[in-house]
C-alpha cells in the first residue's frame, strides 16, 4: 500500500470521530509529515482546533503551550498498545463525567487497533494523559491528546471537556 492510500484509509477510520458529544468535543486528523516536524505540525493542529489561547480565562498566564517546543515537553512517549487503550478510552467515554462517548468500547478498540496496524509496527506514539491525569495542552478544564506517527503519516486525536 502506498503512502497516499495509507493516509486515505487512516482518514476514513477517523471520519466518524470528530464533533460535539455532551460537554465534550473531539477532533481527529491525519496528514503527511516527517519525524523532524511532528510536534510543529501537531501544534498547528491544536491552533487550527482553536484550543490554544494566549491568555487564560482568568487573566493568568496561559496553561496551554505557546509553541511546538512547549507542546513536546508536555507529551510522553507510550507504546502502541497503550496508545490504542488511550484512544479507545477517549472515544468510548467523556473526560469530565465518564458517560458513554462516541463509540461503544468494542468498536473503539476495533477502530484504533486498525489504526495501529495502518501506521505500522515501527510507529511512535505520544500523549499528555493517562485518562486520570494529564499535562494541559489546551485552555480547557480537561484535555487529552494522543499523537501517532508511522510511515510518514501523523495522526492526532484530541478531546476536550468542561465540568
N, C-alpha and C. Protein backbone atom coordinates (compact mmCIF):
# COMPACT_ATOMS: atom_id res chain seq x y z
N UNK A 1 0.85 -1.16 0.00
CA UNK A 1 0.00 0.00 0.00
C UNK A 1 0.91 1.24 0.00
N UNK A 2 0.63 2.19 -0.89
CA UNK A 2 1.46 3.39 -0.92
C UNK A 2 1.00 4.39 0.15
N UNK A 3 1.78 5.43 0.34
CA UNK A 3 1.53 6.40 1.42
C UNK A 3 0.19 7.11 1.25
N UNK A 4 -0.17 7.46 0.04
CA UNK A 4 -1.45 8.16 -0.19
C UNK A 4 -2.63 7.27 0.16
N UNK A 5 -2.54 6.00 -0.19
CA UNK A 5 -3.62 5.07 0.15
C UNK A 5 -3.68 4.85 1.66
N UNK A 6 -2.53 4.77 2.31
CA UNK A 6 -2.49 4.60 3.76
C UNK A 6 -3.15 5.81 4.44
N UNK A 7 -2.80 7.03 3.99
CA UNK A 7 -3.40 8.23 4.58
C UNK A 7 -4.91 8.25 4.35
N UNK A 8 -5.35 7.87 3.18
CA UNK A 8 -6.79 7.84 2.89
C UNK A 8 -7.51 6.85 3.81
N UNK A 9 -6.92 5.69 4.05
CA UNK A 9 -7.54 4.70 4.94
C UNK A 9 -7.58 5.20 6.39
N UNK A 10 -6.50 5.85 6.82
CA UNK A 10 -6.48 6.41 8.18
C UNK A 10 -7.58 7.45 8.32
N UNK A 11 -7.69 8.34 7.36
CA UNK A 11 -8.73 9.38 7.42
C UNK A 11 -10.12 8.77 7.41
N UNK A 12 -10.30 7.70 6.66
CA UNK A 12 -11.59 7.02 6.63
C UNK A 12 -11.92 6.42 8.01
N UNK A 13 -10.93 5.84 8.67
CA UNK A 13 -11.13 5.29 10.01
C UNK A 13 -11.55 6.37 11.01
N UNK A 14 -10.95 7.55 10.87
CA UNK A 14 -11.19 8.63 11.83
C UNK A 14 -12.42 9.48 11.51
N UNK A 15 -13.03 9.27 10.36
CA UNK A 15 -14.10 10.15 9.88
C UNK A 15 -15.28 10.27 10.83
N UNK A 16 -15.65 9.23 11.53
CA UNK A 16 -16.81 9.28 12.41
C UNK A 16 -16.53 9.81 13.80
N UNK A 17 -15.29 10.15 14.09
CA UNK A 17 -14.92 10.52 15.45
C UNK A 17 -15.17 11.99 15.80
N UNK A 18 -14.78 12.97 14.97
CA UNK A 18 -14.87 14.37 15.38
C UNK A 18 -16.29 14.87 15.62
N UNK A 19 -16.40 15.86 16.52
CA UNK A 19 -17.66 16.53 16.76
C UNK A 19 -17.98 16.63 18.23
N UNK A 20 -19.10 17.31 18.53
CA UNK A 20 -19.51 17.51 19.93
C UNK A 20 -20.17 16.25 20.49
N UNK A 21 -20.00 16.07 21.80
CA UNK A 21 -20.70 15.00 22.49
C UNK A 21 -20.91 15.45 23.93
N UNK A 22 -22.10 15.92 24.26
CA UNK A 22 -22.33 16.50 25.59
C UNK A 22 -21.48 17.75 25.73
N UNK A 23 -20.75 17.85 26.84
CA UNK A 23 -19.84 18.98 27.05
C UNK A 23 -18.50 18.75 26.36
N UNK A 24 -18.29 17.56 25.82
CA UNK A 24 -17.01 17.20 25.23
C UNK A 24 -17.00 17.50 23.74
N UNK A 25 -15.80 17.73 23.22
CA UNK A 25 -15.61 17.87 21.78
C UNK A 25 -14.39 17.06 21.39
N UNK A 26 -14.51 16.36 20.28
CA UNK A 26 -13.41 15.53 19.78
C UNK A 26 -12.95 16.05 18.41
N UNK A 27 -11.65 16.05 18.21
CA UNK A 27 -11.06 16.34 16.91
C UNK A 27 -10.16 15.16 16.56
N UNK A 28 -10.08 14.86 15.28
CA UNK A 28 -9.17 13.83 14.80
C UNK A 28 -8.71 14.23 13.41
N UNK A 29 -7.43 14.11 13.18
CA UNK A 29 -6.90 14.47 11.87
C UNK A 29 -5.67 13.63 11.57
N UNK A 30 -5.37 13.53 10.28
CA UNK A 30 -4.18 12.81 9.84
C UNK A 30 -3.60 13.56 8.64
N UNK A 31 -2.29 13.55 8.55
CA UNK A 31 -1.60 14.26 7.48
C UNK A 31 -0.22 13.65 7.28
N UNK A 32 0.42 14.03 6.18
CA UNK A 32 1.80 13.62 5.94
C UNK A 32 2.74 14.57 6.68
N UNK A 33 3.75 14.02 7.33
CA UNK A 33 4.79 14.83 7.97
C UNK A 33 5.98 13.95 8.27
N UNK A 34 7.15 14.54 8.23
CA UNK A 34 8.36 13.84 8.61
C UNK A 34 8.56 13.90 10.11
N UNK A 35 9.39 13.00 10.61
CA UNK A 35 9.65 12.90 12.04
C UNK A 35 10.16 14.22 12.63
N UNK A 36 10.93 14.96 11.86
CA UNK A 36 11.53 16.20 12.37
C UNK A 36 10.51 17.32 12.59
N UNK A 37 9.31 17.21 12.03
CA UNK A 37 8.31 18.27 12.19
C UNK A 37 7.02 17.78 12.85
N UNK A 38 7.07 16.63 13.50
CA UNK A 38 5.87 16.08 14.13
C UNK A 38 5.26 17.08 15.10
N UNK A 39 6.02 17.59 16.04
CA UNK A 39 5.44 18.46 17.07
C UNK A 39 5.05 19.82 16.50
N UNK A 40 5.76 20.29 15.50
CA UNK A 40 5.37 21.54 14.83
C UNK A 40 4.01 21.36 14.17
N UNK A 41 3.82 20.24 13.48
CA UNK A 41 2.54 20.02 12.80
C UNK A 41 1.41 19.75 13.80
N UNK A 42 1.70 19.10 14.90
CA UNK A 42 0.67 18.87 15.92
C UNK A 42 0.29 20.19 16.59
N UNK A 43 1.27 21.05 16.84
CA UNK A 43 0.96 22.37 17.40
C UNK A 43 0.05 23.15 16.45
N UNK A 44 0.31 23.07 15.16
CA UNK A 44 -0.55 23.73 14.17
C UNK A 44 -1.95 23.13 14.21
N UNK A 45 -2.06 21.82 14.38
CA UNK A 45 -3.36 21.16 14.52
C UNK A 45 -4.12 21.73 15.71
N UNK A 46 -3.44 21.90 16.87
CA UNK A 46 -4.10 22.46 18.05
C UNK A 46 -4.56 23.89 17.79
N UNK A 47 -3.74 24.67 17.11
CA UNK A 47 -4.15 26.05 16.76
C UNK A 47 -5.35 26.02 15.83
N UNK A 48 -5.35 25.12 14.86
CA UNK A 48 -6.48 25.02 13.94
C UNK A 48 -7.77 24.63 14.66
N UNK A 49 -7.65 23.87 15.73
CA UNK A 49 -8.81 23.48 16.55
C UNK A 49 -9.28 24.62 17.45
N UNK A 50 -8.51 25.72 17.51
CA UNK A 50 -8.83 26.90 18.32
C UNK A 50 -8.93 26.55 19.81
N UNK A 51 -7.99 25.73 20.30
CA UNK A 51 -8.00 25.33 21.71
C UNK A 51 -6.83 25.93 22.48
N UNK A 52 -5.99 26.70 21.79
CA UNK A 52 -4.85 27.34 22.43
C UNK A 52 -5.16 28.83 22.50
N UNK A 53 -4.99 29.39 23.67
CA UNK A 53 -5.26 30.81 23.87
C UNK A 53 -4.04 31.44 24.49
N UNK A 54 -3.74 32.67 24.13
CA UNK A 54 -2.58 33.37 24.68
C UNK A 54 -2.76 33.80 26.12
N UNK A 55 -3.99 33.89 26.60
CA UNK A 55 -4.27 34.30 27.97
C UNK A 55 -5.34 33.38 28.53
N UNK A 56 -5.20 32.99 29.78
CA UNK A 56 -6.22 32.12 30.37
C UNK A 56 -7.51 32.89 30.56
N UNK A 57 -8.57 32.18 30.81
CA UNK A 57 -9.88 32.80 31.02
C UNK A 57 -9.90 33.72 32.22
N UNK A 58 -8.96 33.57 33.13
CA UNK A 58 -8.94 34.37 34.36
C UNK A 58 -7.82 35.39 34.35
N UNK A 59 -7.18 35.62 33.20
CA UNK A 59 -6.12 36.61 33.09
C UNK A 59 -4.75 36.12 33.53
N UNK A 60 -4.66 34.87 34.00
CA UNK A 60 -3.38 34.29 34.39
C UNK A 60 -2.60 33.90 33.14
N UNK A 61 -1.33 33.57 33.30
CA UNK A 61 -0.60 33.06 32.13
C UNK A 61 -1.31 31.84 31.56
N UNK A 62 -1.22 31.63 30.27
CA UNK A 62 -1.94 30.50 29.66
C UNK A 62 -1.41 29.17 30.15
N UNK A 63 -2.33 28.20 30.30
CA UNK A 63 -1.90 26.85 30.67
C UNK A 63 -1.52 26.06 29.43
N UNK A 64 -2.03 26.46 28.27
CA UNK A 64 -1.74 25.75 27.02
C UNK A 64 -0.35 26.13 26.52
N UNK A 65 0.32 25.20 25.85
CA UNK A 65 1.64 25.52 25.29
C UNK A 65 1.52 26.63 24.25
N UNK A 66 2.57 27.41 24.13
CA UNK A 66 2.56 28.53 23.19
C UNK A 66 3.42 28.30 21.96
N UNK A 67 4.07 27.14 21.90
CA UNK A 67 4.86 26.78 20.71
C UNK A 67 5.08 25.27 20.71
N UNK A 68 5.69 24.79 19.63
CA UNK A 68 5.87 23.35 19.48
C UNK A 68 6.84 22.75 20.50
N UNK A 69 7.84 23.52 20.93
CA UNK A 69 8.78 23.01 21.94
C UNK A 69 8.07 22.82 23.29
N UNK A 70 7.23 23.78 23.67
CA UNK A 70 6.46 23.63 24.91
C UNK A 70 5.52 22.44 24.82
N UNK A 71 4.88 22.27 23.66
CA UNK A 71 4.00 21.12 23.47
C UNK A 71 4.78 19.82 23.64
N UNK A 72 5.91 19.70 22.97
CA UNK A 72 6.72 18.48 23.04
C UNK A 72 7.10 18.15 24.48
N UNK A 73 7.36 19.17 25.29
CA UNK A 73 7.77 18.93 26.68
C UNK A 73 6.62 18.40 27.53
N UNK A 74 5.38 18.55 27.08
CA UNK A 74 4.21 18.09 27.83
C UNK A 74 3.78 16.67 27.45
N UNK A 75 4.36 16.14 26.39
CA UNK A 75 3.98 14.82 25.91
C UNK A 75 5.02 13.78 26.29
N UNK A 76 4.53 12.58 26.58
CA UNK A 76 5.44 11.47 26.88
C UNK A 76 5.20 10.38 25.85
N UNK A 77 6.24 9.65 25.56
CA UNK A 77 6.11 8.57 24.59
C UNK A 77 5.48 7.36 25.26
N UNK A 78 4.58 6.68 24.54
CA UNK A 78 3.93 5.46 25.01
C UNK A 78 4.05 4.42 23.91
N UNK A 79 3.88 3.16 24.28
CA UNK A 79 3.92 2.13 23.25
C UNK A 79 2.58 2.07 22.53
N UNK A 80 2.55 1.37 21.41
CA UNK A 80 1.36 1.33 20.56
C UNK A 80 0.16 0.72 21.28
N UNK A 81 0.37 -0.31 22.08
CA UNK A 81 -0.75 -0.93 22.80
C UNK A 81 -1.38 0.05 23.78
N UNK A 82 -0.55 0.81 24.50
CA UNK A 82 -1.08 1.82 25.42
C UNK A 82 -1.81 2.92 24.67
N UNK A 83 -1.28 3.31 23.50
CA UNK A 83 -1.93 4.34 22.69
C UNK A 83 -3.33 3.88 22.26
N UNK A 84 -3.45 2.63 21.86
CA UNK A 84 -4.76 2.10 21.46
C UNK A 84 -5.73 2.15 22.64
N UNK A 85 -5.27 1.78 23.84
CA UNK A 85 -6.12 1.83 25.03
C UNK A 85 -6.56 3.26 25.33
N UNK A 86 -5.63 4.21 25.23
CA UNK A 86 -5.97 5.62 25.48
C UNK A 86 -6.98 6.13 24.45
N UNK A 87 -6.74 5.83 23.19
CA UNK A 87 -7.66 6.26 22.13
C UNK A 87 -9.04 5.64 22.31
N UNK A 88 -9.08 4.37 22.66
CA UNK A 88 -10.37 3.71 22.89
C UNK A 88 -11.08 4.35 24.07
N UNK A 89 -10.33 4.71 25.10
CA UNK A 89 -10.93 5.40 26.24
C UNK A 89 -11.50 6.76 25.86
N UNK A 90 -10.77 7.49 25.03
CA UNK A 90 -11.25 8.81 24.58
C UNK A 90 -12.53 8.69 23.77
N UNK A 91 -12.62 7.66 22.97
CA UNK A 91 -13.77 7.51 22.09
C UNK A 91 -14.97 6.87 22.76
N UNK A 92 -14.76 6.18 23.88
CA UNK A 92 -15.86 5.42 24.48
C UNK A 92 -16.44 6.05 25.75
N UNK A 93 -15.79 7.10 26.29
CA UNK A 93 -16.37 7.80 27.45
C UNK A 93 -15.83 9.22 27.50
N UNK A 94 -16.63 10.12 28.06
CA UNK A 94 -16.21 11.52 28.12
C UNK A 94 -15.23 11.72 29.26
N UNK A 95 -14.45 12.80 29.16
CA UNK A 95 -13.41 13.05 30.15
C UNK A 95 -13.94 13.50 31.49
N UNK A 96 -14.91 14.41 31.51
CA UNK A 96 -15.35 15.00 32.78
C UNK A 96 -16.28 14.09 33.56
N UNK A 97 -17.29 13.54 32.91
CA UNK A 97 -18.31 12.79 33.64
C UNK A 97 -18.29 11.29 33.34
N UNK A 98 -17.42 10.85 32.46
CA UNK A 98 -17.24 9.44 32.13
C UNK A 98 -18.53 8.77 31.66
N UNK A 99 -19.38 9.52 30.95
CA UNK A 99 -20.57 8.94 30.35
C UNK A 99 -20.20 8.37 28.99
N UNK A 100 -21.11 7.61 28.41
CA UNK A 100 -20.84 6.97 27.12
C UNK A 100 -20.38 8.00 26.09
N UNK A 101 -19.34 7.65 25.37
CA UNK A 101 -18.76 8.54 24.38
C UNK A 101 -19.24 8.28 22.98
N UNK A 102 -18.39 8.55 22.02
CA UNK A 102 -18.73 8.45 20.61
C UNK A 102 -19.01 7.01 20.18
N UNK A 103 -18.19 6.07 20.63
CA UNK A 103 -18.31 4.67 20.21
C UNK A 103 -18.44 3.77 21.42
N UNK A 104 -19.11 2.63 21.25
CA UNK A 104 -19.03 1.60 22.29
C UNK A 104 -17.57 1.14 22.37
N UNK A 105 -17.16 0.66 23.52
CA UNK A 105 -15.76 0.32 23.75
C UNK A 105 -15.24 -0.71 22.74
N UNK A 106 -16.07 -1.69 22.35
CA UNK A 106 -15.63 -2.71 21.40
C UNK A 106 -15.31 -2.08 20.04
N UNK A 107 -16.19 -1.19 19.57
CA UNK A 107 -15.94 -0.52 18.29
C UNK A 107 -14.69 0.35 18.38
N UNK A 108 -14.52 1.05 19.51
CA UNK A 108 -13.34 1.90 19.68
C UNK A 108 -12.06 1.08 19.59
N UNK A 109 -12.03 -0.06 20.25
CA UNK A 109 -10.84 -0.93 20.16
C UNK A 109 -10.60 -1.42 18.74
N UNK A 110 -11.66 -1.74 18.03
CA UNK A 110 -11.53 -2.19 16.64
C UNK A 110 -10.95 -1.07 15.76
N UNK A 111 -11.52 0.11 15.85
CA UNK A 111 -11.08 1.25 15.04
C UNK A 111 -9.61 1.56 15.30
N UNK A 112 -9.24 1.66 16.57
CA UNK A 112 -7.87 2.08 16.88
C UNK A 112 -6.86 0.93 16.75
N UNK A 113 -7.33 -0.30 16.83
CA UNK A 113 -6.46 -1.42 16.50
C UNK A 113 -6.10 -1.41 15.02
N UNK A 114 -7.08 -1.09 14.17
CA UNK A 114 -6.80 -0.98 12.73
C UNK A 114 -5.89 0.21 12.45
N UNK A 115 -6.09 1.31 13.17
CA UNK A 115 -5.22 2.48 13.01
C UNK A 115 -3.77 2.11 13.33
N UNK A 116 -3.60 1.41 14.42
CA UNK A 116 -2.25 0.97 14.82
C UNK A 116 -1.59 0.16 13.70
N UNK A 117 -2.33 -0.75 13.10
CA UNK A 117 -1.77 -1.57 12.01
C UNK A 117 -1.43 -0.71 10.80
N UNK A 118 -2.28 0.26 10.48
CA UNK A 118 -2.02 1.11 9.32
C UNK A 118 -0.76 1.96 9.51
N UNK A 119 -0.48 2.40 10.74
CA UNK A 119 0.71 3.19 10.98
C UNK A 119 1.97 2.33 11.05
N UNK A 120 1.80 1.04 11.20
CA UNK A 120 2.93 0.12 11.15
C UNK A 120 3.53 -0.19 12.51
N UNK A 121 4.33 -1.24 12.52
CA UNK A 121 4.93 -1.70 13.77
C UNK A 121 6.04 -0.80 14.28
N UNK A 122 6.58 0.03 13.41
CA UNK A 122 7.62 0.97 13.83
C UNK A 122 7.05 2.32 14.23
N UNK A 123 5.73 2.42 14.36
CA UNK A 123 5.11 3.70 14.69
C UNK A 123 5.55 4.17 16.08
N UNK A 124 5.49 5.47 16.27
CA UNK A 124 5.79 6.07 17.57
C UNK A 124 4.54 6.81 18.03
N UNK A 125 4.34 6.85 19.35
CA UNK A 125 3.13 7.43 19.92
C UNK A 125 3.48 8.32 21.10
N UNK A 126 2.73 9.41 21.25
CA UNK A 126 2.91 10.34 22.36
C UNK A 126 1.55 10.74 22.91
N UNK A 127 1.53 11.12 24.19
CA UNK A 127 0.29 11.58 24.80
C UNK A 127 0.60 12.51 25.96
N UNK A 128 -0.43 13.24 26.37
CA UNK A 128 -0.33 14.08 27.56
C UNK A 128 -1.14 13.51 28.72
N UNK A 129 -1.70 12.32 28.56
CA UNK A 129 -2.70 11.83 29.52
C UNK A 129 -2.54 10.36 29.88
N UNK A 130 -3.10 10.02 31.04
CA UNK A 130 -3.33 8.63 31.41
C UNK A 130 -4.83 8.37 31.47
N UNK A 131 -5.62 9.37 31.12
CA UNK A 131 -7.07 9.46 31.25
C UNK A 131 -7.49 9.67 32.70
N UNK A 132 -6.55 9.67 33.61
CA UNK A 132 -6.82 10.00 35.01
C UNK A 132 -6.07 11.27 35.42
N UNK A 133 -5.01 11.57 34.70
CA UNK A 133 -4.24 12.78 34.92
C UNK A 133 -3.68 13.22 33.57
N UNK A 134 -3.23 14.47 33.50
CA UNK A 134 -2.74 14.98 32.22
C UNK A 134 -1.92 16.24 32.44
N UNK A 135 -1.10 16.55 31.44
CA UNK A 135 -0.43 17.84 31.32
C UNK A 135 -1.30 18.67 30.38
N UNK A 136 -1.82 19.81 30.80
CA UNK A 136 -2.72 20.57 29.94
C UNK A 136 -2.06 20.99 28.63
N UNK A 137 -2.75 20.75 27.52
CA UNK A 137 -2.28 21.19 26.21
C UNK A 137 -3.28 22.13 25.54
N UNK A 138 -4.35 22.47 26.26
CA UNK A 138 -5.36 23.42 25.76
C UNK A 138 -5.78 24.33 26.91
N UNK A 139 -6.68 25.28 26.60
CA UNK A 139 -7.20 26.14 27.65
C UNK A 139 -8.41 25.52 28.36
N UNK A 140 -8.80 24.32 27.97
CA UNK A 140 -9.98 23.68 28.56
C UNK A 140 -9.65 23.02 29.90
N UNK A 141 -10.70 22.80 30.70
CA UNK A 141 -10.53 22.18 32.01
C UNK A 141 -9.93 20.78 31.88
N UNK A 142 -10.45 19.99 30.95
CA UNK A 142 -9.95 18.64 30.71
C UNK A 142 -9.50 18.55 29.25
N UNK A 143 -8.38 17.90 29.02
CA UNK A 143 -7.98 17.63 27.65
C UNK A 143 -7.13 16.37 27.60
N UNK A 144 -7.19 15.73 26.46
CA UNK A 144 -6.39 14.52 26.23
C UNK A 144 -6.00 14.51 24.76
N UNK A 145 -4.71 14.35 24.52
CA UNK A 145 -4.17 14.34 23.17
C UNK A 145 -3.36 13.06 22.99
N UNK A 146 -3.61 12.37 21.89
CA UNK A 146 -2.82 11.20 21.52
C UNK A 146 -2.33 11.43 20.09
N UNK A 147 -1.04 11.28 19.90
CA UNK A 147 -0.40 11.50 18.60
C UNK A 147 0.33 10.23 18.20
N UNK A 148 0.15 9.83 16.96
CA UNK A 148 0.86 8.68 16.43
C UNK A 148 1.54 9.05 15.13
N UNK A 149 2.67 8.42 14.86
CA UNK A 149 3.38 8.65 13.61
C UNK A 149 3.96 7.34 13.12
N UNK A 150 3.70 7.06 11.85
CA UNK A 150 4.27 5.88 11.24
C UNK A 150 4.20 5.96 9.73
N UNK A 151 5.25 5.55 9.08
CA UNK A 151 5.33 5.55 7.61
C UNK A 151 4.97 6.90 7.00
N UNK A 152 5.41 8.00 7.65
CA UNK A 152 5.20 9.33 7.11
C UNK A 152 3.85 9.94 7.39
N UNK A 153 2.98 9.20 8.08
CA UNK A 153 1.64 9.69 8.41
C UNK A 153 1.58 10.04 9.89
N UNK A 154 1.06 11.23 10.19
CA UNK A 154 0.86 11.65 11.58
C UNK A 154 -0.63 11.69 11.84
N UNK A 155 -1.01 11.18 13.01
CA UNK A 155 -2.41 11.17 13.44
C UNK A 155 -2.47 11.89 14.78
N UNK A 156 -3.48 12.75 14.95
CA UNK A 156 -3.70 13.40 16.25
C UNK A 156 -5.17 13.28 16.59
N UNK A 157 -5.45 12.86 17.81
CA UNK A 157 -6.81 12.79 18.33
C UNK A 157 -6.80 13.60 19.62
N UNK A 158 -7.71 14.58 19.69
CA UNK A 158 -7.80 15.48 20.82
C UNK A 158 -9.22 15.48 21.35
N UNK A 159 -9.36 15.36 22.67
CA UNK A 159 -10.66 15.51 23.32
C UNK A 159 -10.53 16.61 24.37
N UNK A 160 -11.54 17.46 24.44
CA UNK A 160 -11.61 18.46 25.50
C UNK A 160 -12.98 18.37 26.14
N UNK A 161 -13.04 18.74 27.41
CA UNK A 161 -14.31 18.67 28.13
C UNK A 161 -14.31 19.72 29.23
N UNK A 162 -15.48 20.07 29.67
CA UNK A 162 -15.67 21.02 30.77
C UNK A 162 -16.58 20.38 31.80
N UNK A 163 -16.39 20.73 33.05
CA UNK A 163 -17.31 20.22 34.09
C UNK A 163 -18.20 21.33 34.58
